[in-house]
């Protein structure tokens, strides 16, 4: 199939563009390409529209019929970045041509036809993001620390043991590959327990899928028991956390065969399908887009969506797991359902709470690469549809799990604004690129898919883009002060806030927020400059004090005249004086 076959009208003049925040439409020329929808205007200062077809979640048509005659119509584009755009076209034929083209181009089933395989960066790639966070590099210190507890296994090198896991995994050294294969047959989807994180005190966090509950499947697996017991170490007990809802879809290990493991249930929500998260997100966005509703109705709709409840439950569960690792020093196995959704949310949040490196830009990239990309989160399947696609038109496998994780990170950032190297802008960027992108990082459902698509050689990595100096600078948190401590968030309901920088950015003007953020950045930069000047002046003062001591020591040898001259030089009103006056002068001279 060629793109030209789908583009019936490549260019059309006189198209009116309406968006949510503008009172006046933009009149311009609309161009339809294989991957973009472009609207340009000759008006000075007017912003052009460049919209990836992959960003479009739903195409709605509103024909304009006058006296039973079709006179064009309006095409409403509801996007995965939460925008709603309307294009008004006067010609009936062009109205049908363009709407049909957009609908087909935004629903391409062939992954190799997507923009990442055609995108050519117009900058020098300083580092290959596809190879930045390999398991042997991420767990390098753990594997080389000499204690011999862990090893890197390639038992899944052909993706036969577990299709959704990576080719290289970290497991306990005492466990054989044969035991891994047996444990994989015992777990849903072959997702046997693997190392997710090792805390500074040595306590390990594993993740896996739940045991299979199908008829004829044995309820005991000695190899699986051995994998868990191998990480107990000196600890007398471990914890198994079930993040899925109670019911028929939830199975766990039997107490008889896992006697040293205490089972704890902390479901993120009472749902039996991952699509329930997307249903909640849909209700949230319906409320956020209704700017005319009353305050009482808004609060009621926000509560009825249940979204903030999922956020609260996820943070609560992550804190409990983090306490077991940090305060109890006990190993933890986290699972829930197939181990692809709520499991990854919890294991990721635990690391951000406990590990300060995960609160840096590169640390967050590494975390997402380890837990979500190498961990087999099905981005292409989950993000095929978003909150604007009606239930009857979307797949049941669609979900908003990764967004839930990003929202939880935002809550942590909101409570600890000085402990994160990045701010909400990086989180919004990750949200957008996980749904649509010119980069290949989030393509496919697992590592096996990306290998078959040759993503590493045929596409550019998002990490390569984000780590460019000029891009990193735009994502830095101006309030950041490295914090090596564990951060314990409040999980009181009043502590959870709406992520307005994402959910309402297209319905409520965010310009004042950007201005305030700019003021904060300017104040912090000014303070850093002043600190630098004070440090410089203090060094000058220290040099003068040392010189003064030398003069004093020369008093007996060189006579009083030299000493008095030195004293006169030190007491000159034009000099800086003591440390207190230096600091005061530094601050005053910068006004």
Protein backbone atom coordinates (compact mmCIF):
# COMPACT_ATOMS: atom_id res chain seq x y z
CA UNK A 1 0.00 0.00 0.00
CA UNK A 2 1.21 3.49 -0.89
CA UNK A 3 0.30 6.64 1.02
CA UNK A 4 -0.79 8.27 -2.25
CA UNK A 5 -3.65 5.78 -2.46
CA UNK A 6 -5.06 7.12 0.80
CA UNK A 7 -4.60 10.83 0.10
CA UNK A 8 -7.49 11.89 -2.14
CA UNK A 9 -6.96 15.65 -1.64
CA UNK A 10 -3.34 16.50 -0.80
CA UNK A 11 -3.90 20.28 -0.58
CA UNK A 12 -6.86 22.56 0.06
CA UNK A 13 -7.11 26.35 0.51
CA UNK A 14 -9.65 28.20 2.63
CA UNK A 15 -9.82 25.74 5.56
CA UNK A 16 -10.87 27.18 8.93
CA UNK A 17 -9.16 25.81 12.06
CA UNK A 18 -10.87 26.06 15.46
CA UNK A 19 -9.26 25.01 18.75
CA UNK A 20 -10.42 25.01 22.36
CA UNK A 21 -8.54 28.08 23.58
CA UNK A 22 -9.01 30.42 20.61
CA UNK A 23 -12.07 32.56 20.01
CA UNK A 24 -11.26 33.19 16.35
CA UNK A 25 -10.61 30.56 13.69
CA UNK A 26 -7.43 30.44 11.65
CA UNK A 27 -7.88 30.56 7.88
CA UNK A 28 -5.19 28.66 6.03
CA UNK A 29 -4.09 26.02 3.57
CA UNK A 30 -4.45 22.39 4.64
CA UNK A 31 -1.90 19.83 3.44
CA UNK A 32 -2.31 16.09 3.94
CA UNK A 33 0.91 14.04 3.83
CA UNK A 34 1.62 10.41 4.59
CA UNK A 35 2.23 11.10 8.27
CA UNK A 36 1.19 14.68 9.03
CA UNK A 37 -1.74 17.02 8.78
CA UNK A 38 -0.38 20.54 8.20
CA UNK A 39 -2.30 23.80 8.23
CA UNK A 40 -0.34 26.93 7.34
CA UNK A 41 -1.41 30.56 7.03
CA UNK A 42 0.25 33.64 5.64
CA UNK A 43 -0.72 35.73 8.66
CA UNK A 44 2.29 36.99 10.55
CA UNK A 45 2.64 35.52 14.03
CA UNK A 46 0.03 32.82 13.45
CA UNK A 47 1.14 29.38 14.59
CA UNK A 48 1.06 26.54 12.09
CA UNK A 49 -0.51 23.18 12.85
CA UNK A 50 1.67 20.08 12.48
CA UNK A 51 -0.32 17.08 13.60
CA UNK A 52 0.87 13.49 13.36
CA UNK A 53 -1.87 11.22 12.05
CA UNK A 54 -0.87 8.77 14.78
CA UNK A 55 -1.90 11.43 17.32
CA UNK A 56 -5.54 11.34 16.18
CA UNK A 57 -7.72 9.19 18.41
CA UNK A 58 -11.11 9.81 16.82
CA UNK A 59 -12.46 11.51 13.67
CA UNK A 60 -15.97 12.93 13.95
CA UNK A 61 -17.92 14.39 11.01
CA UNK A 62 -20.52 17.13 11.23
CA UNK A 63 -21.94 17.77 7.75
CA UNK A 64 -23.36 21.20 7.01
CA UNK A 65 -26.77 20.66 5.34
CA UNK A 66 -28.76 23.68 4.13
CA UNK A 67 -32.16 23.12 2.49
CA UNK A 68 -31.36 19.42 2.11
CA UNK A 69 -28.18 20.33 0.24
CA UNK A 70 -24.75 19.37 1.58
CA UNK A 71 -22.49 22.41 1.79
CA UNK A 72 -19.32 20.94 3.21
CA UNK A 73 -18.95 20.31 6.89
CA UNK A 74 -16.73 20.24 9.98
CA UNK A 75 -14.18 17.54 10.78
CA UNK A 76 -13.56 17.24 14.53
CA UNK A 77 -10.23 15.65 15.45
CA UNK A 78 -9.95 14.33 19.00
CA UNK A 79 -6.28 13.71 19.72
CA UNK A 80 -4.31 11.44 22.00
CA UNK A 81 -2.52 14.47 23.47
CA UNK A 82 -6.04 15.46 24.68
CA UNK A 83 -6.55 18.31 22.18
CA UNK A 84 -9.80 18.76 20.27
CA UNK A 85 -9.41 20.45 16.85
CA UNK A 86 -12.11 21.35 14.32
CA UNK A 87 -11.54 21.85 10.58
CA UNK A 88 -14.32 23.58 8.62
CA UNK A 89 -14.38 22.81 4.89
CA UNK A 90 -16.80 24.45 2.46
CA UNK A 91 -16.59 21.99 -0.45
CA UNK A 92 -18.70 18.82 -0.03
CA UNK A 93 -16.36 16.63 -2.07
CA UNK A 94 -13.23 17.87 -0.33
CA UNK A 95 -14.96 17.47 3.02
CA UNK A 96 -15.50 13.76 2.34
CA UNK A 97 -12.08 13.25 0.75
CA UNK A 98 -10.11 14.78 3.60
CA UNK A 99 -12.12 13.18 6.39
CA UNK A 100 -11.77 9.74 4.80
CA UNK A 101 -8.03 10.22 4.26
CA UNK A 102 -7.43 11.31 7.86
CA UNK A 103 -9.43 8.39 9.23
CA UNK A 104 -7.49 5.83 7.22
CA UNK A 105 -4.06 7.39 7.82
CA UNK A 106 -4.67 7.60 11.58
CA UNK A 107 -5.59 3.91 11.79
CA UNK A 108 -2.70 2.21 9.98
CA UNK A 109 -2.32 -1.37 11.19
CA UNK A 110 1.15 -1.96 9.74
CA UNK A 111 3.72 -0.74 12.27
CA UNK A 112 6.43 -0.31 9.62
CA UNK A 113 4.27 2.34 7.95
CA UNK A 114 4.43 4.63 11.00
CA UNK A 115 6.48 7.81 11.07
CA UNK A 116 9.44 6.58 13.20
CA UNK A 117 10.58 4.42 10.25
CA UNK A 118 10.63 7.48 7.96
CA UNK A 119 11.90 10.14 10.36
CA UNK A 120 15.45 11.43 9.80
CA UNK A 121 16.80 13.62 12.65
CA UNK A 122 18.28 16.93 11.55
CA UNK A 123 20.89 16.91 14.31
CA UNK A 124 23.94 14.89 15.25
CA UNK A 125 23.13 11.96 17.52
CA UNK A 126 25.58 12.17 20.43
CA UNK A 127 24.66 8.79 21.94
CA UNK A 128 22.52 5.86 20.86
CA UNK A 129 19.59 5.74 23.24
CA UNK A 130 18.63 2.25 22.09
CA UNK A 131 21.70 0.78 23.83
CA UNK A 132 21.97 3.10 26.84
CA UNK A 133 20.18 0.98 29.43
CA UNK A 134 20.95 -2.66 28.72
CA UNK A 135 20.50 -5.10 31.66
CA UNK A 136 24.20 -5.88 31.91
CA UNK A 137 24.90 -2.15 32.26
CA UNK A 138 22.01 -1.36 34.61
CA UNK A 139 22.79 -4.24 36.95
CA UNK A 140 26.55 -4.03 36.39
CA UNK A 141 27.41 -3.01 39.95
CA UNK A 142 25.10 -5.64 41.37
CA UNK A 143 26.65 -8.39 39.26
CA UNK A 144 30.21 -7.27 39.97
CA UNK A 145 30.03 -6.56 43.69
CA UNK A 146 31.59 -9.90 44.54
CA UNK A 147 28.82 -11.33 46.74
CA UNK A 148 27.87 -13.85 44.06
CA UNK A 149 24.12 -13.64 44.75
CA UNK A 150 22.98 -12.74 41.23
CA UNK A 151 23.70 -13.66 37.66
CA UNK A 152 22.65 -12.70 34.14
CA UNK A 153 20.78 -15.44 32.32
CA UNK A 154 20.17 -15.78 28.59
CA UNK A 155 17.67 -18.63 28.94
CA UNK A 156 15.12 -16.40 27.17
CA UNK A 157 17.46 -15.35 24.34
CA UNK A 158 14.99 -16.66 21.73
CA UNK A 159 11.94 -15.41 23.67
CA UNK A 160 10.60 -18.96 23.92
CA UNK A 161 10.46 -19.19 27.72
CA UNK A 162 8.57 -15.90 28.10
CA UNK A 163 7.55 -13.98 24.95
CA UNK A 164 7.13 -10.68 26.81
CA UNK A 165 10.41 -10.70 28.76
CA UNK A 166 13.74 -9.50 27.43
CA UNK A 167 16.56 -11.72 26.19
CA UNK A 168 18.75 -11.05 29.25
CA UNK A 169 17.42 -11.22 32.80
CA UNK A 170 18.88 -11.05 36.31
CA UNK A 171 18.12 -14.00 38.61
CA UNK A 172 19.55 -15.53 41.76
CA UNK A 173 22.86 -17.30 41.10
CA UNK A 174 21.73 -20.48 42.85
CA UNK A 175 18.82 -20.92 40.40
CA UNK A 176 19.41 -22.99 37.27
CA UNK A 177 17.99 -22.29 33.83
CA UNK A 178 15.99 -25.52 34.08
CA UNK A 179 14.27 -24.23 37.21
CA UNK A 180 13.48 -20.98 35.40
CA UNK A 181 11.76 -22.89 32.59
CA UNK A 182 9.69 -24.84 35.12
CA UNK A 183 8.70 -21.67 36.98
CA UNK A 184 7.70 -20.00 33.69
CA UNK A 185 5.28 -22.86 32.99
CA UNK A 186 3.72 -22.23 36.40
CA UNK A 187 3.17 -18.48 35.89
CA UNK A 188 0.70 -16.71 33.61
CA UNK A 189 2.35 -15.83 30.29
CA UNK A 190 5.60 -17.42 31.40
CA UNK A 191 6.43 -14.36 33.50
CA UNK A 192 8.50 -16.03 36.23
CA UNK A 193 9.98 -13.99 39.15
CA UNK A 194 12.86 -11.75 38.03
CA UNK A 195 14.85 -9.10 39.87
CA UNK A 196 13.34 -5.65 39.59
CA UNK A 197 15.30 -3.71 42.21
CA UNK A 198 17.82 -4.32 44.97
CA UNK A 199 17.72 -1.84 47.83
CA UNK A 200 20.81 -0.42 49.51
CA UNK A 201 20.30 -2.73 52.50
CA UNK A 202 20.33 -5.79 50.24
CA UNK A 203 16.58 -6.43 50.22
CA UNK A 204 15.40 -7.52 46.75
CA UNK A 205 12.17 -6.72 44.95
CA UNK A 206 11.01 -9.27 42.37
CA UNK A 207 8.11 -9.08 39.93
CA UNK A 208 6.16 -11.74 38.09
CA UNK A 209 2.71 -12.75 36.89
CA UNK A 210 0.25 -14.61 39.09
CA UNK A 211 0.26 -18.42 39.14
CA UNK A 212 -1.87 -20.00 36.44
CA UNK A 213 -5.37 -21.03 37.45
CA UNK A 214 -6.32 -23.02 34.37
CA UNK A 215 -7.80 -26.51 34.74
CA UNK A 216 -5.19 -29.22 34.72
CA UNK A 217 -2.35 -26.91 35.82
CA UNK A 218 -0.59 -28.11 38.94
CA UNK A 219 -1.01 -25.88 41.99
CA UNK A 220 2.58 -26.41 43.08
CA UNK A 221 5.93 -25.69 41.45
CA UNK A 222 9.03 -26.57 43.48
CA UNK A 223 11.25 -24.63 41.08
CA UNK A 224 9.16 -21.50 41.62
CA UNK A 225 9.39 -21.98 45.38
CA UNK A 226 13.17 -22.30 45.07
CA UNK A 227 13.41 -19.01 43.13
CA UNK A 228 11.61 -17.13 45.89
CA UNK A 229 13.41 -18.82 48.76
CA UNK A 230 16.78 -18.08 47.13
CA UNK A 231 16.31 -14.36 47.76
CA UNK A 232 15.33 -14.68 51.41
CA UNK A 233 18.94 -14.58 52.56
CA UNK A 234 19.17 -13.73 56.25
CA UNK A 235 15.57 -12.59 56.31
CA UNK A 236 13.21 -15.03 57.94
CA UNK A 237 10.24 -13.91 55.90
CA UNK A 238 9.28 -12.27 52.65
CA UNK A 239 6.16 -10.59 51.33
CA UNK A 240 4.05 -11.39 48.27
CA UNK A 241 2.02 -8.39 47.12
CA UNK A 242 -1.03 -8.92 44.93
CA UNK A 243 -1.89 -5.68 43.08
CA UNK A 244 -4.93 -7.11 41.29
CA UNK A 245 -8.54 -7.10 42.47
CA UNK A 246 -9.93 -9.94 44.51
CA UNK A 247 -12.11 -12.38 42.62
CA UNK A 248 -11.95 -15.15 40.06
CA UNK A 249 -9.27 -13.35 38.04
CA UNK A 250 -6.92 -13.20 41.01
CA UNK A 251 -4.83 -16.17 42.05
CA UNK A 252 -1.93 -16.35 44.45
CA UNK A 253 0.54 -18.79 45.94
CA UNK A 254 -0.65 -21.35 48.50
CA UNK A 255 0.34 -20.77 52.13
CA UNK A 256 1.38 -24.41 52.53
CA UNK A 257 4.13 -24.24 49.90
CA UNK A 258 5.26 -20.65 50.53
CA UNK A 259 5.32 -20.78 54.32
CA UNK A 260 8.05 -18.13 54.67
CA UNK A 261 6.14 -15.64 52.55
CA UNK A 262 3.33 -13.49 53.90
CA UNK A 263 0.68 -12.62 51.33
CA UNK A 264 -0.67 -9.08 51.21
CA UNK A 265 -3.41 -7.82 48.90
CA UNK A 266 -3.21 -4.16 47.84
CA UNK A 267 -5.36 -3.84 44.70
CA UNK A 268 -5.11 -0.56 42.80
CA UNK A 269 -8.77 -0.91 41.87
CA UNK A 270 -11.64 -3.34 41.96
CA UNK A 271 -11.64 -4.17 38.27
CA UNK A 272 -11.32 -7.37 36.26
CA UNK A 273 -9.93 -5.82 33.07
CA UNK A 274 -7.20 -3.34 32.25
CA UNK A 275 -9.68 -1.37 30.15
CA UNK A 276 -11.34 -0.21 33.40
CA UNK A 277 -8.48 2.26 33.82
CA UNK A 278 -9.22 3.73 30.41
CA UNK A 279 -12.93 3.95 31.28
CA UNK A 280 -11.97 6.00 34.32
CA UNK A 281 -9.68 8.21 32.24
CA UNK A 282 -12.53 8.81 29.76
CA UNK A 283 -14.80 10.07 32.55
CA UNK A 284 -12.00 12.28 33.86
CA UNK A 285 -11.47 13.96 30.48
CA UNK A 286 -15.20 14.42 29.94
CA UNK A 287 -15.25 16.41 33.17
CA UNK A 288 -12.09 18.37 32.32
CA UNK A 289 -13.41 19.36 28.88
CA UNK A 290 -16.73 20.60 30.23
CA UNK A 291 -15.71 24.14 31.19
CA UNK A 292 -19.34 25.25 31.60
CA UNK A 293 -20.34 22.96 34.47
CA UNK A 294 -20.83 24.27 38.02
CA UNK A 295 -18.32 23.73 40.83
CA UNK A 296 -20.49 21.15 42.58
CA UNK A 297 -21.07 19.23 39.39
CA UNK A 298 -17.37 19.36 38.51
CA UNK A 299 -16.34 17.92 41.88
CA UNK A 300 -19.00 15.25 41.60
CA UNK A 301 -17.86 14.22 38.11
CA UNK A 302 -14.24 14.20 39.23
CA UNK A 303 -15.10 11.85 42.08
CA UNK A 304 -17.30 9.65 39.89
CA UNK A 305 -14.46 9.14 37.42
CA UNK A 306 -12.52 7.27 40.10
CA UNK A 307 -9.19 8.31 38.56
CA UNK A 308 -7.73 10.01 41.63
CA UNK A 309 -8.78 6.97 43.65
CA UNK A 310 -6.59 4.78 41.43
CA UNK A 311 -3.73 7.24 41.91
CA UNK A 312 -4.18 7.17 45.68
CA UNK A 313 -4.34 3.36 45.81
CA UNK A 314 -1.22 3.00 43.65
CA UNK A 315 0.80 5.35 45.88
CA UNK A 316 -0.48 3.61 49.00
CA UNK A 317 0.52 0.17 47.70
CA UNK A 318 3.94 1.44 46.61
CA UNK A 319 4.58 2.92 50.06
CA UNK A 320 3.75 -0.38 51.76
CA UNK A 321 6.14 -2.28 49.48
CA UNK A 322 8.83 0.36 50.02
CA UNK A 323 8.45 0.05 53.80
CA UNK A 324 8.94 -3.72 53.63
CA UNK A 325 12.17 -3.23 51.70
CA UNK A 326 13.56 -0.23 53.55
CA UNK A 327 12.37 -0.70 57.14
CA UNK A 328 11.83 -4.46 57.38
CA UNK A 329 14.75 -5.36 55.14
CA UNK A 330 12.58 -8.14 53.70
CA UNK A 331 12.40 -9.29 50.08
CA UNK A 332 9.16 -8.63 48.19
CA UNK A 333 7.50 -10.28 45.19
CA UNK A 334 5.02 -7.99 43.41
CA UNK A 335 2.49 -9.46 41.00
CA UNK A 336 -1.04 -8.94 39.75
CA UNK A 337 -2.86 -10.50 36.82
CA UNK A 338 -0.43 -11.05 33.96
CA UNK A 339 2.20 -8.83 35.58
CA UNK A 340 2.02 -6.31 32.75
CA UNK A 341 0.08 -3.40 34.24
CA UNK A 342 -0.51 -2.76 37.94
CA UNK A 343 2.62 -4.76 38.76
CA UNK A 344 4.83 -2.42 36.75
CA UNK A 345 3.16 0.66 38.24
CA UNK A 346 4.01 -0.47 41.78
CA UNK A 347 7.57 -1.69 41.14
CA UNK A 348 8.37 1.56 39.32
CA UNK A 349 6.94 3.81 42.04
CA UNK A 350 8.80 1.90 44.73
CA UNK A 351 12.09 2.69 43.02
CA UNK A 352 11.29 6.39 42.73
CA UNK A 353 10.45 6.49 46.44
CA UNK A 354 13.58 4.60 47.53
CA UNK A 355 16.19 5.32 44.88
CA UNK A 356 17.26 8.97 44.39
CA UNK A 357 18.79 8.09 41.02
CA UNK A 358 15.29 7.43 39.67
CA UNK A 359 14.46 11.05 40.44
CA UNK A 360 16.97 12.26 37.83
CA UNK A 361 16.29 12.56 34.10
CA UNK A 362 18.55 9.69 33.07
CA UNK A 363 17.46 7.66 36.07
CA UNK A 364 13.81 7.92 35.02
CA UNK A 365 14.74 6.93 31.47
CA UNK A 366 16.60 3.89 32.80
CA UNK A 367 13.66 2.96 35.03
CA UNK A 368 11.17 3.12 32.14
CA UNK A 369 13.54 1.14 29.94
CA UNK A 370 14.04 -1.59 32.57
CA UNK A 371 10.54 -1.94 33.95
CA UNK A 372 8.30 -0.99 31.04
CA UNK A 373 10.20 -1.61 27.78
CA UNK A 374 12.32 -4.61 28.78
CA UNK A 375 9.55 -5.66 31.19
CA UNK A 376 7.20 -6.17 28.26
CA UNK A 377 4.52 -3.54 28.73
CA UNK A 378 2.49 -3.69 25.47
CA UNK A 379 2.63 -0.02 24.47
CA UNK A 380 1.29 -0.52 20.94
CA UNK A 381 -1.69 -2.54 22.15
CA UNK A 382 -2.51 -0.44 25.21
CA UNK A 383 -2.07 2.89 23.37
CA UNK A 384 -3.77 2.04 20.10
CA UNK A 385 -6.80 3.96 21.40
CA UNK A 386 -7.14 6.61 24.06
CA UNK A 387 -9.86 8.46 25.96
CA UNK A 388 -11.84 9.78 22.98
CA UNK A 389 -12.51 6.46 21.25
CA UNK A 390 -15.97 5.08 22.16
CA UNK A 391 -16.06 1.77 24.01
CA UNK A 392 -17.63 -0.07 21.09
CA UNK A 393 -14.85 1.04 18.72
CA UNK A 394 -11.77 0.32 20.82
CA UNK A 395 -10.01 -2.86 21.80
CA UNK A 396 -10.61 -4.32 25.24
CA UNK A 397 -6.84 -4.48 25.66
CA UNK A 398 -6.55 -0.67 25.53
CA UNK A 399 -5.62 0.93 28.84
CA UNK A 400 -4.11 3.97 30.54
CA UNK A 401 -1.72 2.17 32.88
CA UNK A 402 1.41 4.07 31.87
CA UNK A 403 -0.46 7.36 32.31
CA UNK A 404 -1.45 6.23 35.81
CA UNK A 405 2.24 5.71 36.60
CA UNK A 406 3.17 9.16 35.26
CA UNK A 407 0.36 10.75 37.28
CA UNK A 408 1.68 9.07 40.43
CA UNK A 409 5.17 10.41 39.68
CA UNK A 410 3.61 13.85 39.29
CA UNK A 411 2.05 13.49 42.76
CA UNK A 412 5.47 12.68 44.21
CA UNK A 413 6.97 15.66 42.40
CA UNK A 414 4.17 17.92 43.71
CA UNK A 415 4.89 16.84 47.29
CA UNK A 416 8.70 16.94 46.94
CA UNK A 417 9.33 19.67 44.33
CA UNK A 418 13.02 20.04 45.24
CA UNK A 419 13.90 16.33 45.09
CA UNK A 420 13.36 15.80 41.34
CA UNK A 421 15.83 16.86 38.67
CA UNK A 422 12.93 16.96 36.19
CA UNK A 423 9.50 18.56 36.45
CA UNK A 424 6.05 18.04 34.90
CA UNK A 425 7.34 18.92 31.41
CA UNK A 426 9.31 15.67 31.13
CA UNK A 427 6.30 13.67 32.32
CA UNK A 428 4.03 15.33 29.74
CA UNK A 429 6.65 14.63 27.06
CA UNK A 430 6.77 10.94 27.99
CA UNK A 431 2.97 10.75 27.97
CA UNK A 432 2.79 12.16 24.45
CA UNK A 433 5.60 10.07 22.94
CA UNK A 434 4.18 6.86 24.42
CA UNK A 435 1.08 7.40 22.23
CA UNK A 436 2.56 9.01 19.11
CA UNK A 437 6.12 9.84 18.19
CA UNK A 438 8.74 10.26 15.52
CA UNK A 439 10.97 8.03 17.67
CA UNK A 440 10.95 4.25 17.89
CA UNK A 441 11.36 3.80 21.64
CA UNK A 442 7.73 2.89 22.41
CA UNK A 443 7.01 0.86 19.27
CA UNK A 444 5.83 -2.72 19.62
CA UNK A 445 4.53 -4.65 22.60
CA UNK A 446 7.80 -6.12 23.86
CA UNK A 447 11.49 -6.51 23.11
CA UNK A 448 10.78 -9.40 20.73
CA UNK A 449 8.54 -7.14 18.64
CA UNK A 450 11.19 -4.42 18.49
CA UNK A 451 13.83 -6.93 17.43
CA UNK A 452 11.61 -8.20 14.61
CA UNK A 453 10.88 -4.61 13.52
CA UNK A 454 14.63 -3.78 13.69
CA UNK A 455 13.80 -0.72 15.75
CA UNK A 456 17.38 -0.20 16.95
CA UNK A 457 18.76 0.15 13.43
CA UNK A 458 15.81 1.68 11.57
CA UNK A 459 14.58 4.30 14.04
CA UNK A 460 15.95 6.97 16.38
CA UNK A 461 15.62 6.60 20.14
CA UNK A 462 13.65 9.10 22.19
CA UNK A 463 16.46 8.99 24.77
CA UNK A 464 18.91 10.21 22.12
CA UNK A 465 16.68 13.25 21.64
CA UNK A 466 15.96 13.99 25.31
CA UNK A 467 19.62 13.76 26.31
CA UNK A 468 20.76 16.47 23.91
CA UNK A 469 22.09 19.40 26.02
CA UNK A 470 19.64 21.94 24.61
CA UNK A 471 16.67 19.59 25.24
CA UNK A 472 17.76 18.52 28.73
CA UNK A 473 18.04 22.17 29.71
CA UNK A 474 14.36 22.73 28.88
CA UNK A 475 13.30 19.85 31.16
CA UNK A 476 15.32 20.69 34.27
CA UNK A 477 13.58 21.55 37.51
CA UNK A 478 14.95 24.93 38.67
CA UNK A 479 14.24 24.03 42.32
CA UNK A 480 16.19 20.77 42.25
CA UNK A 481 18.51 20.00 45.16
CA UNK A 482 19.88 16.42 45.17
CA UNK A 483 18.21 14.49 47.97
CA UNK A 484 19.81 11.11 48.80
CA UNK A 485 17.11 10.23 51.31
CA UNK A 486 13.99 8.13 50.87
CA UNK A 487 10.91 10.24 50.17
CA UNK A 488 7.73 9.13 51.95
CA UNK A 489 4.69 10.74 50.33
CA UNK A 490 1.45 11.54 52.06
CA UNK A 491 -1.32 9.20 50.95
CA UNK A 492 -4.11 11.17 52.59
CA UNK A 493 -6.90 11.88 50.07
CA UNK A 494 -6.40 15.64 50.49
CA UNK A 495 -2.78 15.25 49.33
CA UNK A 496 -3.77 14.04 45.85
CA UNK A 497 -4.11 16.85 43.31
CA UNK A 498 -5.37 17.05 39.74
CA UNK A 499 -2.57 17.14 37.17
CA UNK A 500 -3.84 20.34 35.56
CA UNK A 501 -0.70 20.84 33.43
CA UNK A 502 -1.82 17.78 31.46
CA UNK A 503 -5.55 17.26 31.81
CA UNK A 504 -6.76 20.87 31.45
CA UNK A 505 -3.98 22.41 29.36
CA UNK A 506 -6.20 22.58 26.23
CA UNK A 507 -9.39 23.70 27.99
CA UNK A 508 -7.99 26.26 30.48
CA UNK A 509 -5.42 28.88 29.51
CA UNK A 510 -2.04 27.91 30.98
CA UNK A 511 -0.20 31.09 29.96
CA UNK A 512 -0.11 32.54 33.49
CA UNK A 513 1.28 29.26 34.80
CA UNK A 514 4.06 29.45 32.23
CA UNK A 515 4.78 33.07 33.20
CA UNK A 516 4.96 32.16 36.90
CA UNK A 517 7.23 29.24 36.09
CA UNK A 518 9.48 31.59 34.14
CA UNK A 519 9.65 33.96 37.12
CA UNK A 520 10.64 31.10 39.39
CA UNK A 521 13.33 30.00 36.96
CA UNK A 522 14.68 33.57 36.76
CA UNK A 523 14.75 33.94 40.57
CA UNK A 524 16.55 30.64 41.03
CA UNK A 525 19.08 31.54 38.34
CA UNK A 526 19.66 34.91 40.01
CA UNK A 527 20.16 33.23 43.37
CA UNK A 528 22.71 30.83 41.88
CA UNK A 529 24.59 33.74 40.32
CA UNK A 530 24.65 35.56 43.65
CA UNK A 531 25.86 32.46 45.44
CA UNK A 532 28.64 32.13 42.92
CA UNK A 533 29.66 35.76 43.47
CA UNK A 534 29.62 35.35 47.24
CA UNK A 535 31.84 32.27 46.98
CA UNK A 536 34.27 34.19 44.79
CA UNK A 537 34.37 37.14 47.19
CA UNK A 538 34.90 34.82 50.16
CA UNK A 539 37.87 33.29 48.40
CA UNK A 540 39.27 36.77 47.85
CA UNK A 541 38.73 37.51 51.53
CA UNK A 542 40.51 34.31 52.52
CA UNK A 543 43.47 35.28 50.33
CA UNK A 544 43.64 38.71 51.98
CA UNK A 545 43.46 37.15 55.43
CA UNK A 546 46.34 34.83 54.59
CA UNK A 547 48.34 37.77 53.30
CA UNK A 548 47.59 39.63 56.52
CA UNK A 549 48.89 36.71 58.60
CA UNK A 550 52.09 36.70 56.56
CA UNK A 551 52.55 40.40 57.27
CA UNK A 552 52.06 39.81 60.97
CA UNK A 553 54.65 37.10 60.94
CA UNK A 554 57.06 39.52 59.27
CA UNK A 555 56.53 42.15 61.97
CA UNK A 556 59.62 41.35 63.96
CA UNK A 557 61.86 40.97 60.94
CA UNK A 558 60.76 43.92 58.78
CA UNK A 559 59.82 46.56 61.34
CA UNK A 560 56.61 48.35 62.14
CA UNK A 561 56.49 50.45 58.97
CA UNK A 562 55.66 47.54 56.68
CA UNK A 563 53.06 46.33 59.13
CA UNK A 564 51.36 49.73 59.32
CA UNK A 565 51.31 49.92 55.52
CA UNK A 566 49.68 46.55 55.30
CA UNK A 567 47.14 47.55 57.93
CA UNK A 568 46.32 50.70 56.00
CA UNK A 569 45.78 48.68 52.83
CA UNK A 570 43.49 46.22 54.60
CA UNK A 571 41.44 49.02 56.24
CA UNK A 572 40.96 51.01 53.02
CA UNK A 573 37.19 51.81 52.69
CA UNK A 574 37.32 50.84 49.04
CA UNK A 575 38.21 47.21 49.96
CA UNK A 576 35.71 44.50 50.68
CA UNK A 577 36.17 44.31 54.44
CA UNK A 578 35.15 41.32 56.52
CA UNK A 579 33.05 38.36 55.41
CA UNK A 580 29.77 39.86 56.50
CA UNK A 581 30.31 43.04 54.52
CA UNK A 582 31.42 40.99 51.50
CA UNK A 583 28.15 39.08 51.45
CA UNK A 584 26.16 42.27 51.93
CA UNK A 585 28.03 44.04 49.16
CA UNK A 586 27.56 41.10 46.81
CA UNK A 587 23.84 41.19 47.28
CA UNK A 588 23.63 44.94 47.09
CA UNK A 589 25.75 45.36 43.98
CA UNK A 590 23.48 43.04 42.01
CA UNK A 591 20.43 45.24 42.36
